[in-house]
């Protein structure tokens, strides 16, 4: 079982920066692939960025060059550095952890943190 708690959201002006944090509790954190998703009102949940257990990252085209995902396995933390924020980045940002051992798949979500970018 993994519990995820996001923090760092808030209100920021366009062009500003925020750093989101996701604190994970439970065992085997380093074996999980971690991701940040976002969901705006009335829209589907979209992947923003992900990082594998081995540190390989993937970033959505819409945020490439502006957002960076990282992880600190010693602290059970995942981060999303968001720069040059735009009003269209406004959404609830959710942390995700997933792992599969071939027999079972594990998928956990945090409660989300609101990011609002004003123009």
Protein backbone atom coordinates (compact mmCIF):
# COMPACT_ATOMS: atom_id res chain seq x y z
CA UNK A 1 0.00 0.00 0.00
CA UNK A 2 1.28 3.45 -0.94
CA UNK A 3 -0.19 6.75 0.18
CA UNK A 4 0.57 9.88 -1.80
CA UNK A 5 0.24 13.45 -0.56
CA UNK A 6 0.73 16.38 -2.92
CA UNK A 7 1.67 19.90 -1.93
CA UNK A 8 2.96 23.09 -3.48
CA UNK A 9 -0.01 24.19 -5.54
CA UNK A 10 -1.42 27.69 -5.47
CA UNK A 11 -2.19 30.82 -7.41
CA UNK A 12 0.53 32.26 -9.63
CA UNK A 13 0.68 34.79 -12.43
CA UNK A 14 1.41 33.76 -15.98
CA UNK A 15 5.15 33.39 -16.48
CA UNK A 16 5.70 32.38 -12.88
CA UNK A 17 6.93 29.14 -11.36
CA UNK A 18 5.74 26.55 -8.87
CA UNK A 19 7.27 23.40 -7.51
CA UNK A 20 4.92 20.57 -6.67
CA UNK A 21 5.93 17.86 -4.23
CA UNK A 22 4.53 14.39 -3.72
CA UNK A 23 5.35 12.58 -0.51
CA UNK A 24 4.96 8.82 -0.64
CA UNK A 25 4.56 6.52 2.34
CA UNK A 26 4.88 2.77 2.24
CA UNK A 27 7.52 0.35 1.14
CA UNK A 28 9.27 -0.20 -2.16
CA UNK A 29 8.94 3.41 -3.32
CA UNK A 30 12.01 3.13 -5.50
CA UNK A 31 10.39 0.33 -7.49
CA UNK A 32 7.41 2.43 -8.52
CA UNK A 33 7.09 4.44 -11.68
CA UNK A 34 5.83 7.87 -10.66
CA UNK A 35 3.81 10.37 -12.62
CA UNK A 36 2.11 13.72 -12.46
CA UNK A 37 -1.29 14.08 -14.09
CA UNK A 38 -3.60 17.06 -14.34
CA UNK A 39 -7.31 17.49 -14.73
CA UNK A 40 -9.11 20.70 -15.55
CA UNK A 41 -12.86 21.08 -14.95
CA UNK A 42 -14.85 19.20 -17.58
CA UNK A 43 -11.75 17.69 -19.14
CA UNK A 44 -10.08 14.32 -19.01
CA UNK A 45 -7.12 13.52 -16.81
CA UNK A 46 -3.90 13.88 -18.79
CA UNK A 47 -0.37 12.75 -18.12
CA UNK A 48 1.99 15.68 -17.58
CA UNK A 49 5.24 13.89 -16.82
CA UNK A 50 6.48 10.54 -15.61
CA UNK A 51 9.66 9.02 -14.26
CA UNK A 52 10.51 5.35 -14.14
CA UNK A 53 12.10 3.53 -11.25
CA UNK A 54 15.36 3.84 -13.17
CA UNK A 55 15.02 7.60 -13.60
CA UNK A 56 13.93 7.79 -17.22
CA UNK A 57 11.60 10.72 -17.73
CA UNK A 58 8.83 11.46 -20.16
CA UNK A 59 7.14 14.84 -20.55
CA UNK A 60 3.99 15.80 -22.43
CA UNK A 61 4.54 17.96 -25.49
CA UNK A 62 2.36 20.69 -24.02
CA UNK A 63 4.80 21.26 -21.13
CA UNK A 64 8.07 20.16 -22.66
CA UNK A 65 10.85 22.62 -21.93
CA UNK A 66 8.84 24.20 -19.10
CA UNK A 67 8.15 21.36 -16.63
CA UNK A 68 10.67 18.93 -15.12
CA UNK A 69 9.92 15.82 -13.08
CA UNK A 70 12.42 14.39 -10.60
CA UNK A 71 12.49 11.95 -7.73
CA UNK A 72 14.45 11.45 -4.53
CA UNK A 73 14.23 7.81 -3.53
CA UNK A 74 16.02 8.43 -0.23
CA UNK A 75 13.22 10.78 0.80
CA UNK A 76 10.32 9.00 -0.96
CA UNK A 77 9.59 12.20 -2.85
CA UNK A 78 8.65 13.17 -6.39
CA UNK A 79 8.75 16.73 -7.66
CA UNK A 80 7.37 18.68 -10.57
CA UNK A 81 9.16 21.93 -11.30
CA UNK A 82 6.89 24.14 -13.37
CA UNK A 83 8.30 27.22 -15.07
CA UNK A 84 6.85 29.74 -17.51
CA UNK A 85 3.36 28.85 -16.39
CA UNK A 86 0.43 29.63 -18.66
CA UNK A 87 -3.28 30.05 -17.86
CA UNK A 88 -3.94 26.80 -19.70
CA UNK A 89 -1.83 24.99 -17.08
CA UNK A 90 -4.62 25.65 -14.56
CA UNK A 91 -5.83 22.30 -13.22
CA UNK A 92 -5.76 19.93 -10.30
CA UNK A 93 -2.42 18.14 -10.36
CA UNK A 94 -2.35 14.56 -9.11
CA UNK A 95 0.53 12.30 -8.19
CA UNK A 96 0.45 8.67 -9.34
CA UNK A 97 2.46 5.59 -8.42
CA UNK A 98 2.32 2.36 -10.35
CA UNK A 99 4.14 -0.94 -10.27
CA UNK A 100 3.66 -4.38 -11.74
CA UNK A 101 5.34 -7.63 -10.81
CA UNK A 102 3.92 -9.62 -13.70
CA UNK A 103 1.13 -11.09 -11.60
CA UNK A 104 -0.29 -8.04 -9.95
CA UNK A 105 -0.49 -4.38 -10.85
CA UNK A 106 -0.52 -1.62 -8.28
CA UNK A 107 -1.82 1.87 -9.00
CA UNK A 108 -2.19 4.64 -6.44
CA UNK A 109 -3.35 8.26 -6.58
CA UNK A 110 -2.97 11.25 -4.35
CA UNK A 111 -5.81 13.65 -3.59
CA UNK A 112 -4.45 16.38 -5.86
CA UNK A 113 -3.30 19.97 -5.48
CA UNK A 114 -4.85 22.93 -7.26
CA UNK A 115 -2.71 25.06 -9.57
CA UNK A 116 -4.25 28.27 -10.84
CA UNK A 117 -2.43 30.50 -13.31
CA UNK A 118 -3.83 33.98 -13.81
CA UNK A 119 -3.33 35.96 -16.99
